[in-house]
């Protein structure tokens, strides 16, 4: 093997080692990003759950305030009660389908 071939082989080996290093680094970075994504999805899920609970509490409070009728709008109360009755009817229909 000539000196030129040895030099080219050394360059090739160096380049290959560098590519392997970069590949390993990218795999580690990818694993870290996957874990970060999982953590963010879990945090989002918790926040979404908390939001849903707060929203339901707000709707319940709004219903209670609407139904209290201490000077409130009677029409709004009737609409709210009609909506609740429709939701109950939907639930009953779904139970009957099962």
Protein backbone atom coordinates (compact mmCIF):
# COMPACT_ATOMS: atom_id res chain seq x y z
CA UNK A 1 0.00 0.00 0.00
CA UNK A 2 1.38 3.38 -0.98
CA UNK A 3 1.66 6.40 1.26
CA UNK A 4 -1.16 8.10 -0.63
CA UNK A 5 -3.47 5.12 -0.08
CA UNK A 6 -2.57 5.04 3.62
CA UNK A 7 -3.34 8.75 3.91
CA UNK A 8 -6.69 8.27 2.16
CA UNK A 9 -7.50 5.31 4.40
CA UNK A 10 -6.65 7.37 7.51
CA UNK A 11 -8.85 10.21 6.24
CA UNK A 12 -11.66 7.75 5.61
CA UNK A 13 -11.32 6.23 9.09
CA UNK A 14 -11.28 9.70 10.66
CA UNK A 15 -14.39 10.72 8.73
CA UNK A 16 -16.14 7.47 9.65
CA UNK A 17 -15.34 7.91 13.34
CA UNK A 18 -16.64 11.47 13.19
CA UNK A 19 -19.86 10.29 11.53
CA UNK A 20 -20.30 7.60 14.18
CA UNK A 21 -19.76 10.21 16.90
CA UNK A 22 -22.32 12.54 15.29
CA UNK A 23 -24.78 9.67 14.96
CA UNK A 24 -24.42 8.78 18.63
CA UNK A 25 -24.81 12.43 19.61
CA UNK A 26 -27.98 12.73 17.53
CA UNK A 27 -29.39 9.58 19.13
CA UNK A 28 -28.74 10.99 22.61
CA UNK A 29 -30.27 14.33 21.64
CA UNK A 30 -33.27 12.55 20.16
CA UNK A 31 -33.77 10.53 23.35
CA UNK A 32 -33.59 13.72 25.44
CA UNK A 33 -36.10 15.47 23.20
CA UNK A 34 -38.45 12.47 23.34
CA UNK A 35 -38.33 12.56 27.14
CA UNK A 36 -38.89 16.31 27.14
CA UNK A 37 -41.88 15.84 24.85
CA UNK A 38 -43.33 13.18 27.15
CA UNK A 39 -42.86 15.48 30.15
CA UNK A 40 -44.57 18.36 28.34
CA UNK A 41 -47.44 16.12 27.22
CA UNK A 42 -47.93 14.95 30.79
CA UNK A 43 -47.90 18.53 32.06
CA UNK A 44 -50.35 19.53 29.33
CA UNK A 45 -52.63 16.65 30.26
CA UNK A 46 -52.63 17.71 33.90
CA UNK A 47 -53.33 21.33 32.98
CA UNK A 48 -56.11 20.26 30.62
CA UNK A 49 -57.68 18.17 33.36
CA UNK A 50 -57.48 21.06 35.80
CA UNK A 51 -58.95 23.38 33.18
CA UNK A 52 -61.85 20.98 32.57
CA UNK A 53 -62.56 20.76 36.30
CA UNK A 54 -62.46 24.54 36.69
CA UNK A 55 -64.65 25.01 33.64
CA UNK A 56 -67.19 22.53 35.03
CA UNK A 57 -67.14 24.31 38.38
CA UNK A 58 -67.71 27.60 36.59
CA UNK A 59 -70.63 26.17 34.64
CA UNK A 60 -72.11 24.73 37.84
CA UNK A 61 -71.73 28.07 39.58
CA UNK A 62 -73.26 29.85 36.62
CA UNK A 63 -76.19 27.44 36.69
CA UNK A 64 -76.65 27.96 40.40
CA UNK A 65 -76.51 31.72 40.02
CA UNK A 66 -78.96 31.63 37.11
CA UNK A 67 -81.39 29.45 39.02
CA UNK A 68 -81.28 31.57 42.15
CA UNK A 69 -83.59 34.15 40.55
CA UNK A 70 -82.83 36.88 43.04
CA UNK A 71 -83.45 39.59 40.50
CA UNK A 72 -81.94 37.54 37.67
CA UNK A 73 -83.28 37.11 34.19
CA UNK A 74 -86.11 34.55 34.14
CA UNK A 75 -85.66 33.90 30.41
CA UNK A 76 -82.00 32.96 30.90
CA UNK A 77 -83.01 30.61 33.71
CA UNK A 78 -85.59 28.90 31.51
CA UNK A 79 -83.02 28.49 28.73
CA UNK A 80 -80.50 27.05 31.14
CA UNK A 81 -83.02 24.59 32.56
CA UNK A 82 -84.06 23.59 29.03
CA UNK A 83 -80.42 22.90 28.19
CA UNK A 84 -80.03 20.76 31.31
CA UNK A 85 -83.19 18.81 30.44
CA UNK A 86 -81.89 18.20 26.89
CA UNK A 87 -78.57 16.94 28.29
CA UNK A 88 -80.42 14.58 30.65
CA UNK A 89 -82.58 13.35 27.75
CA UNK A 90 -79.44 12.67 25.70
CA UNK A 91 -77.94 10.70 28.57
CA UNK A 92 -81.10 8.64 28.96
CA UNK A 93 -81.18 7.95 25.22
CA UNK A 94 -77.55 6.82 25.33
CA UNK A 95 -78.30 4.52 28.27
CA UNK A 96 -81.26 3.02 26.43
CA UNK A 97 -79.04 2.25 23.43
CA UNK A 98 -76.64 0.19 25.51
